[in-house]
Amino acid sequence: MKMAIRKGRVIDPATGLDQVQDVFVAAGRVVGLGTAPADFHAGAEIDASGLVICPGLVDMSLRLREPGLEYVAGLESEMQAASAGGITSLACPPDTDPPLDEPGLIEMLKFRARSMPGPRVYPVGALTHQLKGERLTEMGELHEAGCIAFSQADAPLIDTAVLFHAMEYAASFDLPVWLRPEDHFLARGGVAHDGLVAARLGLPSIPVPAETVALQTILLLMRQTGARVHIMRLSSRAAVDMVRQAKAEGLPVTCDVAIHHVHLSEMDTADFNPHCHLVPPLRSLRDRDAIRQALAEGVIDAICSDHAPVDEDVKERPFQEAEPGATGAELLLPLTLRWGREAGLSLSQTLDRVTHRPARIMGVDAGYLRVGGAADLCLFDPEGVWQVSAESLLSLGKNSPYLGHEMLGRVHYTIIDGHLDYRRS
């Protein structure tokens, strides 16, 4: 379908474009900016006056809960939620049931995703068989089946020798490894940050060294193996400083942070709210502020939703017993915009953390808006106000720390491959 999108503020963080103009789409591509191609006749028009037109968001961690966890959420509902959040490309972690450790599972997931509306799905393969941390998967075969990277998700990898050999193998084929740094023994049994709040509430805690000890091991093995590593979901100031130093040394390391850790801290767990039971835990205000500053400086490369729909029965429990995780697909944009406003960044700089930068790390053709590129677009009202509620969220997971809160920034249209995938009713 040929489509004309009129009078929107077009922002492309990849090129610095920021201008009110028309966008023309045909055959799944952007075919014109400002001026339509010769003989272009639109089959549909969108009045984008007052809206921002930007590349579709690229999310580096969005759980679709398939295969195996359909009783919690399904591919259809979570892809609809992602589309409603302006997300047009997403990386799916391997912690499904069974884990994404066989080519057949990867091919099935990609086939299922292609058969329904929604974002482009890029599976992340399991680093070890069944995510047990014992035996390496056939990464080469999984890559051929469509995996863009390899990870343990949140499953521990206790044996350092296995991690070393995994990074050696990945480096030999130039395959990226995505790791969340956490020392299993230091974190074992913990549910909250090792600080005053956890001490007052009597909650078992996870100290910052659980993150930094594991991160130091990863960085040392990077130097030895030459592997390309992406560090997932940093949570502490000390870890940020370590990544800053590693980048200064020239190590090929990138990192992200989950959107909830950009705004929340251990103080938000003070009322035992199970929706604030997250992995990694919400840390101190100093840690949170260091993360926000590192994002603004570019030390932290990207923001992800870390979308994790959880069944209400296992979430609405005492804090220590509740399953960790929060839904985030539909909150990624407004919470990122909030951070950008508070950090004093331009809209283009803000959107860069959820478009161009994550796409570059993932190695996918996404995250930009230019003539000839894929027509994967997000149209949103930066001043649109809406309230987070179980009814307003399309995800089957209603587990959000922001239930009842007002958000500023609302998606009106999501276009994927030139098709109107989401329209706000």
Protein backbone atom coordinates (compact mmCIF):
# COMPACT_ATOMS: atom_id res chain seq x y z
CA MET A 1 0.00 0.00 0.00
CA LYS A 2 1.16 3.52 -0.80
CA MET A 3 0.83 5.82 2.18
CA ALA A 4 1.34 9.53 2.73
CA ILE A 5 2.02 10.73 6.27
CA ARG A 6 1.46 14.47 6.40
CA LYS A 7 2.84 17.33 8.51
CA GLY A 8 4.61 15.34 11.23
CA ARG A 9 7.85 16.25 12.99
CA VAL A 10 10.28 13.77 11.43
CA ILE A 11 13.16 12.75 13.71
CA ASP A 12 15.92 10.35 12.74
CA PRO A 13 18.56 10.05 15.50
CA ALA A 14 20.89 8.19 13.13
CA THR A 15 21.30 11.21 10.85
CA GLY A 16 20.24 14.09 13.08
CA LEU A 17 17.19 14.88 10.95
CA ASP A 18 14.59 16.90 12.86
CA GLN A 19 12.12 18.68 10.59
CA VAL A 20 8.40 18.98 9.97
CA GLN A 21 7.73 17.33 6.63
CA ASP A 22 5.75 14.62 4.86
CA VAL A 23 6.79 10.98 4.66
CA PHE A 24 5.85 8.76 1.73
CA VAL A 25 5.74 4.97 1.93
CA ALA A 26 5.41 2.31 -0.77
CA ALA A 27 6.20 -1.40 -1.01
CA GLY A 28 7.36 -1.51 2.59
CA ARG A 29 9.98 1.23 2.16
CA VAL A 30 10.25 4.94 2.77
CA VAL A 31 10.24 6.36 -0.77
CA GLY A 32 10.16 10.07 -0.06
CA LEU A 33 10.81 12.68 2.63
CA GLY A 34 9.32 16.09 2.06
CA THR A 35 8.60 15.48 -1.61
CA ALA A 36 6.69 12.55 -3.10
CA PRO A 37 8.26 10.52 -5.91
CA ALA A 38 6.99 11.11 -9.42
CA ASP A 39 3.62 9.48 -10.15
CA PHE A 40 3.07 8.71 -6.44
CA HIS A 41 -0.59 8.29 -5.58
CA ALA A 42 -1.36 7.54 -1.95
CA GLY A 43 -3.86 4.82 -1.17
CA ALA A 44 -4.04 6.03 2.42
CA GLU A 45 -3.16 9.25 4.23
CA ILE A 46 -2.38 9.99 7.88
CA ASP A 47 -2.57 13.48 9.31
CA ALA A 48 0.42 13.57 11.67
CA SER A 49 0.04 17.20 12.72
CA GLY A 50 1.35 17.53 16.28
CA LEU A 51 2.93 14.06 16.16
CA VAL A 52 6.54 12.95 16.05
CA ILE A 53 7.46 10.50 13.28
CA CYS A 54 10.53 8.49 14.24
CA PRO A 55 12.04 5.08 13.50
CA GLY A 56 10.18 2.27 15.19
CA LEU A 57 11.58 1.46 18.62
CA VAL A 58 14.09 -1.39 18.89
CA ASP A 59 13.83 -3.37 22.14
CA MET A 60 16.75 -5.55 23.22
CA SER A 61 14.83 -7.62 25.79
CA LEU A 62 11.15 -8.42 25.35
CA ARG A 63 9.81 -11.77 26.52
CA LEU A 64 7.06 -13.20 24.34
CA ARG A 65 6.57 -16.20 26.66
CA GLU A 66 6.45 -18.67 23.77
CA PRO A 67 7.12 -21.53 23.54
CA GLY A 68 5.89 -23.13 26.73
CA LEU A 69 4.59 -20.29 28.89
CA GLU A 70 1.40 -19.46 27.01
CA TYR A 71 -0.61 -19.65 30.25
CA VAL A 72 1.21 -16.45 31.31
CA ALA A 73 1.11 -14.62 27.98
CA GLY A 74 1.20 -15.47 24.31
CA LEU A 75 2.98 -14.38 21.19
CA GLU A 76 -0.10 -12.63 19.83
CA SER A 77 -0.87 -10.55 22.93
CA GLU A 78 2.73 -9.53 23.62
CA MET A 79 3.43 -8.57 20.02
CA GLN A 80 0.27 -6.45 20.08
CA ALA A 81 1.53 -4.82 23.28
CA ALA A 82 4.91 -4.17 21.68
CA SER A 83 3.28 -2.63 18.63
CA ALA A 84 1.11 -0.45 20.87
CA GLY A 85 4.35 0.73 22.47
CA GLY A 86 5.81 1.78 19.11
CA ILE A 87 8.22 -1.17 19.00
CA THR A 88 8.89 -2.50 15.51
CA SER A 89 11.90 -4.77 16.20
CA LEU A 90 12.62 -6.83 19.29
CA ALA A 91 15.08 -9.34 20.66
CA CYS A 92 13.46 -12.31 22.38
CA PRO A 93 15.53 -13.80 25.26
CA PRO A 94 16.11 -17.57 25.28
CA ASP A 95 14.46 -18.30 28.66
CA THR A 96 11.35 -19.92 27.24
CA ASP A 97 10.17 -23.46 28.05
CA PRO A 98 11.98 -25.24 26.52
CA PRO A 99 14.80 -22.71 26.13
CA LEU A 100 15.79 -21.56 22.64
CA ASP A 101 18.65 -24.03 22.29
CA GLU A 102 17.67 -25.97 19.14
CA PRO A 103 17.40 -24.72 15.52
CA GLY A 104 13.88 -26.16 15.24
CA LEU A 105 12.66 -24.01 18.13
CA ILE A 106 14.19 -20.90 16.56
CA GLU A 107 12.61 -21.63 13.19
CA MET A 108 9.22 -22.31 14.82
CA LEU A 109 9.32 -19.03 16.74
CA LYS A 110 10.26 -17.04 13.65
CA PHE A 111 7.56 -18.75 11.59
CA ARG A 112 4.94 -18.04 14.24
CA ALA A 113 6.02 -14.43 14.50
CA ARG A 114 5.89 -13.92 10.73
CA SER A 115 2.39 -15.37 10.57
CA MET A 116 0.80 -12.61 12.65
CA PRO A 117 0.93 -8.82 12.84
CA GLY A 118 3.55 -7.28 15.06
CA PRO A 119 7.22 -6.38 15.31
CA ARG A 120 10.11 -8.13 13.65
CA VAL A 121 11.31 -10.81 16.08
CA TYR A 122 15.01 -11.57 16.48
CA PRO A 123 15.65 -14.59 18.74
CA VAL A 124 18.59 -14.69 21.12
CA GLY A 125 19.85 -18.25 21.36
CA ALA A 126 20.76 -20.11 24.53
CA LEU A 127 24.47 -20.10 25.29
CA THR A 128 24.30 -23.50 26.99
CA HIS A 129 22.01 -26.48 26.54
CA GLN A 130 18.76 -25.98 28.50
CA LEU A 131 20.44 -22.88 30.03
CA LYS A 132 21.98 -25.23 32.60
CA GLY A 133 25.46 -23.77 32.23
CA GLU A 134 27.08 -27.13 31.54
CA ARG A 135 27.28 -27.85 27.82
CA LEU A 136 27.56 -25.35 24.97
CA THR A 137 24.87 -25.18 22.33
CA GLU A 138 25.63 -25.45 18.63
CA MET A 139 25.92 -21.71 18.21
CA GLY A 140 26.81 -21.91 14.54
CA GLU A 141 23.64 -23.84 13.73
CA LEU A 142 21.51 -21.55 15.89
CA HIS A 143 22.98 -18.53 14.13
CA GLU A 144 22.08 -20.03 10.75
CA ALA A 145 18.54 -20.60 12.04
CA GLY A 146 18.22 -16.90 12.86
CA CYS A 147 19.75 -16.14 16.26
CA ILE A 148 21.40 -12.73 16.46
CA ALA A 149 23.30 -13.38 19.72
CA PHE A 150 23.73 -15.89 22.55
CA SER A 151 22.85 -15.52 26.20
CA GLN A 152 22.02 -17.24 29.47
CA ALA A 153 19.21 -14.73 30.09
CA ASP A 154 18.90 -14.79 33.91
CA ALA A 155 20.06 -18.40 34.30
CA PRO A 156 23.36 -18.71 36.19
CA LEU A 157 26.56 -19.85 34.52
CA ILE A 158 28.57 -20.94 37.54
CA ASP A 159 31.40 -22.75 35.77
CA THR A 160 33.88 -20.11 34.60
CA ALA A 161 35.56 -22.64 32.31
CA VAL A 162 32.29 -23.08 30.42
CA LEU A 163 31.98 -19.31 30.04
CA PHE A 164 35.58 -19.10 28.83
CA HIS A 165 35.04 -21.80 26.19
CA ALA A 166 31.72 -20.23 25.14
CA MET A 167 33.42 -16.88 24.57
CA GLU A 168 36.29 -18.56 22.72
CA TYR A 169 33.83 -20.37 20.44
CA ALA A 170 31.76 -17.25 19.86
CA ALA A 171 34.86 -15.20 19.06
CA SER A 172 36.01 -17.75 16.49
CA PHE A 173 32.78 -17.19 14.52
CA ASP A 174 32.43 -13.49 15.45
CA LEU A 175 29.16 -14.19 17.24
CA PRO A 176 28.07 -11.73 19.94
CA VAL A 177 27.53 -12.91 23.50
CA TRP A 178 25.00 -11.11 25.74
CA LEU A 179 25.56 -11.56 29.47
CA ARG A 180 23.95 -10.23 32.61
CA PRO A 181 26.71 -10.07 35.22
CA GLU A 182 25.74 -11.74 38.47
CA ASP A 183 27.79 -13.95 40.75
CA HIS A 184 25.52 -16.85 41.64
CA PHE A 185 26.89 -17.36 45.14
CA LEU A 186 26.83 -13.69 46.14
CA ALA A 187 23.29 -13.28 44.81
CA ARG A 188 21.87 -16.62 45.98
CA GLY A 189 18.62 -16.24 47.88
CA GLY A 190 18.57 -12.45 47.60
CA VAL A 191 15.58 -10.41 46.43
CA ALA A 192 16.55 -6.78 47.16
CA HIS A 193 19.51 -4.41 47.11
CA ASP A 194 21.91 -4.77 50.02
CA GLY A 195 21.10 -1.45 51.64
CA LEU A 196 19.19 0.25 54.41
CA VAL A 197 15.75 -0.55 52.98
CA ALA A 198 16.37 -4.30 52.78
CA ALA A 199 17.87 -4.25 56.28
CA ARG A 200 14.84 -2.42 57.67
CA LEU A 201 12.36 -4.72 55.89
CA GLY A 202 14.25 -7.89 56.74
CA LEU A 203 14.62 -8.90 53.09
CA PRO A 204 17.51 -11.13 51.94
CA SER A 205 19.78 -8.97 49.86
CA ILE A 206 22.02 -8.97 46.80
CA PRO A 207 25.16 -6.84 47.21
CA VAL A 208 26.67 -4.74 44.42
CA PRO A 209 29.74 -7.05 44.28
CA ALA A 210 27.41 -9.76 42.93
CA GLU A 211 27.37 -7.63 39.78
CA THR A 212 30.92 -6.29 39.77
CA VAL A 213 32.69 -9.59 40.54
CA ALA A 214 30.89 -11.25 37.62
CA LEU A 215 31.51 -8.24 35.38
CA GLN A 216 35.23 -8.28 36.16
CA THR A 217 35.37 -11.95 35.15
CA ILE A 218 33.58 -11.20 31.88
CA LEU A 219 35.91 -8.31 31.04
CA LEU A 220 39.01 -10.40 31.80
CA LEU A 221 37.76 -13.20 29.56
CA MET A 222 36.98 -10.66 26.84
CA ARG A 223 40.60 -9.54 26.88
CA GLN A 224 41.74 -13.15 26.63
CA THR A 225 39.31 -14.38 23.96
CA GLY A 226 38.55 -11.29 21.89
CA ALA A 227 34.82 -12.03 22.12
CA ARG A 228 32.25 -9.31 21.43
CA VAL A 229 30.15 -8.98 24.57
CA HIS A 230 27.05 -6.98 25.34
CA ILE A 231 26.39 -6.45 29.06
CA MET A 232 22.70 -6.62 29.85
CA ARG A 233 20.82 -4.56 32.42
CA LEU A 234 23.45 -2.85 34.50
CA SER A 235 22.20 -1.77 37.91
CA SER A 236 25.07 -0.22 39.88
CA ARG A 237 27.40 2.77 39.77
CA ALA A 238 30.43 0.55 40.33
CA ALA A 239 29.57 -1.58 37.29
CA VAL A 240 29.03 1.53 35.17
CA ASP A 241 32.49 2.78 36.13
CA MET A 242 33.99 -0.57 35.12
CA VAL A 243 32.33 -0.43 31.70
CA ARG A 244 33.47 3.17 31.26
CA GLN A 245 37.06 2.09 31.90
CA ALA A 246 36.76 -0.95 29.61
CA LYS A 247 35.50 1.23 26.77
CA ALA A 248 38.35 3.67 27.35
CA GLU A 249 40.73 0.72 26.94
CA GLY A 250 39.12 -0.11 23.61
CA LEU A 251 37.35 -3.33 24.59
CA PRO A 252 34.45 -4.13 22.21
CA VAL A 253 31.89 -3.99 25.00
CA THR A 254 28.41 -2.48 24.90
CA CYS A 255 25.73 -2.37 27.57
CA ASP A 256 22.12 -1.55 28.29
CA VAL A 257 19.85 -0.79 31.21
CA ALA A 258 16.25 -1.75 31.86
CA ILE A 259 13.88 1.22 31.74
CA HIS A 260 12.61 0.65 35.29
CA HIS A 261 16.14 1.00 36.68
CA VAL A 262 16.39 4.43 35.05
CA HIS A 263 13.64 5.80 37.31
CA LEU A 264 13.17 3.54 40.34
CA SER A 265 15.38 2.72 43.32
CA GLU A 266 15.39 0.64 46.48
CA MET A 267 13.15 3.30 48.01
CA ASP A 268 10.31 2.04 45.82
CA THR A 269 10.48 -1.36 47.54
CA ALA A 270 9.91 0.18 50.99
CA ASP A 271 6.20 -0.71 50.98
CA PHE A 272 6.85 -4.33 49.93
CA ASN A 273 5.32 -3.67 46.49
CA PRO A 274 5.84 -6.99 44.63
CA HIS A 275 5.76 -5.15 41.30
CA CYS A 276 9.13 -3.67 42.31
CA HIS A 277 10.67 -7.12 42.76
CA LEU A 278 12.95 -7.07 39.73
CA VAL A 279 16.10 -8.79 38.47
CA PRO A 280 18.59 -7.24 39.01
CA PRO A 281 17.21 -5.56 42.13
CA LEU A 282 16.43 -1.86 42.28
CA ARG A 283 19.49 -0.32 43.87
CA SER A 284 20.33 2.89 45.73
CA LEU A 285 19.50 6.41 44.61
CA ARG A 286 23.21 6.97 43.96
CA ASP A 287 23.29 3.92 41.70
CA ARG A 288 20.18 5.08 39.85
CA ASP A 289 21.58 8.58 39.36
CA ALA A 290 24.87 7.15 38.06
CA ILE A 291 22.94 5.08 35.53
CA ARG A 292 21.02 8.13 34.35
CA GLN A 293 24.23 10.10 33.94
CA ALA A 294 25.98 7.25 32.12
CA LEU A 295 23.05 7.03 29.71
CA ALA A 296 23.32 10.75 28.96
CA GLU A 297 27.08 10.41 28.42
CA GLY A 298 26.69 7.39 26.14
CA VAL A 299 28.60 5.02 28.44
CA ILE A 300 25.40 3.00 28.61
CA ASP A 301 24.45 2.44 24.99
CA ALA A 302 20.77 1.54 25.06
CA ILE A 303 17.57 1.23 27.08
CA CYS A 304 15.45 -1.92 26.94
CA SER A 305 11.99 -2.62 28.31
CA ASP A 306 13.03 -5.93 29.93
CA HIS A 307 9.38 -6.81 29.35
CA ALA A 308 8.49 -9.79 31.54
CA PRO A 309 4.76 -10.55 31.85
CA VAL A 310 4.08 -12.50 35.03
CA ASP A 311 0.94 -14.34 36.07
CA GLU A 312 -1.03 -12.47 38.73
CA ASP A 313 -1.17 -15.51 41.01
CA VAL A 314 2.62 -15.60 41.38
CA LYS A 315 3.08 -11.82 41.45
CA GLU A 316 0.53 -10.83 44.07
CA ARG A 317 2.44 -12.52 46.86
CA PRO A 318 4.67 -11.28 49.67
CA PHE A 319 7.70 -9.51 48.18
CA GLN A 320 10.16 -12.28 48.88
CA GLU A 321 7.92 -14.94 47.33
CA ALA A 322 6.69 -12.97 44.29
CA GLU A 323 8.09 -13.86 40.89
CA PRO A 324 10.40 -11.07 39.71
CA GLY A 325 9.74 -9.06 36.57
CA ALA A 326 7.65 -6.21 35.21
CA THR A 327 5.78 -5.54 32.02
CA GLY A 328 7.46 -2.76 30.07
CA ALA A 329 6.72 -2.88 26.34
CA GLU A 330 4.05 -0.18 26.46
CA LEU A 331 6.01 1.96 28.93
CA LEU A 332 9.37 2.01 27.15
CA LEU A 333 8.61 5.14 25.12
CA PRO A 334 6.99 7.38 27.77
CA LEU A 335 9.55 6.45 30.43
CA THR A 336 12.41 7.05 28.02
CA LEU A 337 10.92 10.44 27.10
CA ARG A 338 10.65 11.27 30.81
CA TRP A 339 14.34 10.48 31.32
CA GLY A 340 15.31 12.58 28.30
CA ARG A 341 13.35 15.59 29.53
CA GLU A 342 14.83 15.32 33.02
CA ALA A 343 18.34 14.91 31.58
CA GLY A 344 17.94 17.99 29.38
CA LEU A 345 18.51 16.05 26.15
CA SER A 346 16.99 16.77 22.77
CA LEU A 347 14.24 14.50 21.53
CA SER A 348 16.62 13.08 18.93
CA GLN A 349 19.28 12.27 21.54
CA THR A 350 16.66 10.63 23.74
CA LEU A 351 15.18 8.48 20.99
CA ASP A 352 18.66 7.36 19.92
CA ARG A 353 18.81 5.08 22.99
CA VAL A 354 15.76 3.12 21.86
CA THR A 355 16.20 3.18 18.07
CA HIS A 356 19.55 3.51 16.32
CA ARG A 357 21.88 2.37 19.10
CA PRO A 358 20.13 -0.88 20.04
CA ALA A 359 19.68 -1.73 16.34
CA ARG A 360 23.42 -1.27 15.80
CA ILE A 361 24.25 -3.55 18.74
CA MET A 362 21.80 -6.18 17.52
CA GLY A 363 23.23 -5.95 14.00
CA VAL A 364 19.81 -5.57 12.39
CA ASP A 365 18.57 -3.29 9.61
CA ALA A 366 16.41 -1.04 11.77
CA GLY A 367 16.46 2.08 13.89
CA TYR A 368 16.73 4.71 11.17
CA LEU A 369 14.40 6.72 8.94
CA ARG A 370 15.64 7.57 5.47
CA VAL A 371 14.66 7.17 1.84
CA GLY A 372 15.17 3.56 0.80
CA GLY A 373 14.96 2.24 4.35
CA ALA A 374 12.31 -0.05 5.78
CA ALA A 375 9.04 1.72 6.60
CA ASP A 376 9.12 0.78 10.29
CA LEU A 377 7.80 3.91 11.96
CA CYS A 378 6.42 5.12 15.27
CA LEU A 379 4.09 8.12 15.34
CA PHE A 380 3.54 9.51 18.83
CA ASP A 381 2.24 12.55 20.64
CA PRO A 382 5.01 13.71 23.01
CA GLU A 383 2.41 15.61 25.06
CA GLY A 384 -0.21 12.85 25.09
CA VAL A 385 -1.29 11.99 28.62
CA TRP A 386 -2.58 8.56 29.59
CA GLN A 387 -2.95 6.49 32.74
CA VAL A 388 -1.39 3.08 33.25
CA SER A 389 -3.99 0.52 34.28
CA ALA A 390 -4.78 -3.13 33.77
CA GLU A 391 -7.33 -2.01 31.17
CA SER A 392 -4.99 0.29 29.25
CA LEU A 393 -2.23 -2.33 28.89
CA LEU A 394 -2.60 -4.76 25.99
CA SER A 395 -0.05 -7.13 27.47
CA LEU A 396 -1.55 -10.04 29.39
CA GLY A 397 0.98 -9.19 32.07
CA LYS A 398 -0.46 -6.43 34.25
CA ASN A 399 2.55 -6.46 36.59
CA SER A 400 3.85 -2.90 36.52
CA PRO A 401 5.23 -0.62 39.23
CA TYR A 402 3.46 2.21 37.40
CA LEU A 403 -0.14 1.02 37.75
CA GLY A 404 -2.23 4.11 38.48
CA HIS A 405 0.47 6.52 37.29
CA GLU A 406 0.06 9.07 34.50
CA MET A 407 2.40 8.88 31.50
CA LEU A 408 3.37 11.67 29.11
CA GLY A 409 3.95 10.45 25.56
CA ARG A 410 1.49 8.26 23.67
CA VAL A 411 1.80 6.19 20.52
CA HIS A 412 -0.88 6.93 17.92
CA TYR A 413 0.32 4.77 15.01
CA THR A 414 2.88 2.02 14.50
CA ILE A 415 3.80 1.13 10.94
CA ILE A 416 5.76 -2.05 10.23
CA ASP A 417 7.00 -2.96 6.77
CA GLY A 418 4.75 -0.28 5.33
CA HIS A 419 1.59 -1.64 6.96
CA LEU A 420 -0.43 0.09 9.64
CA ASP A 421 0.08 -2.34 12.50
CA TYR A 422 -1.33 -0.31 15.38
CA ARG A 423 -3.71 2.64 15.54
CA ARG A 424 -4.82 4.15 18.82
CA SER A 425 -8.57 3.87 19.11
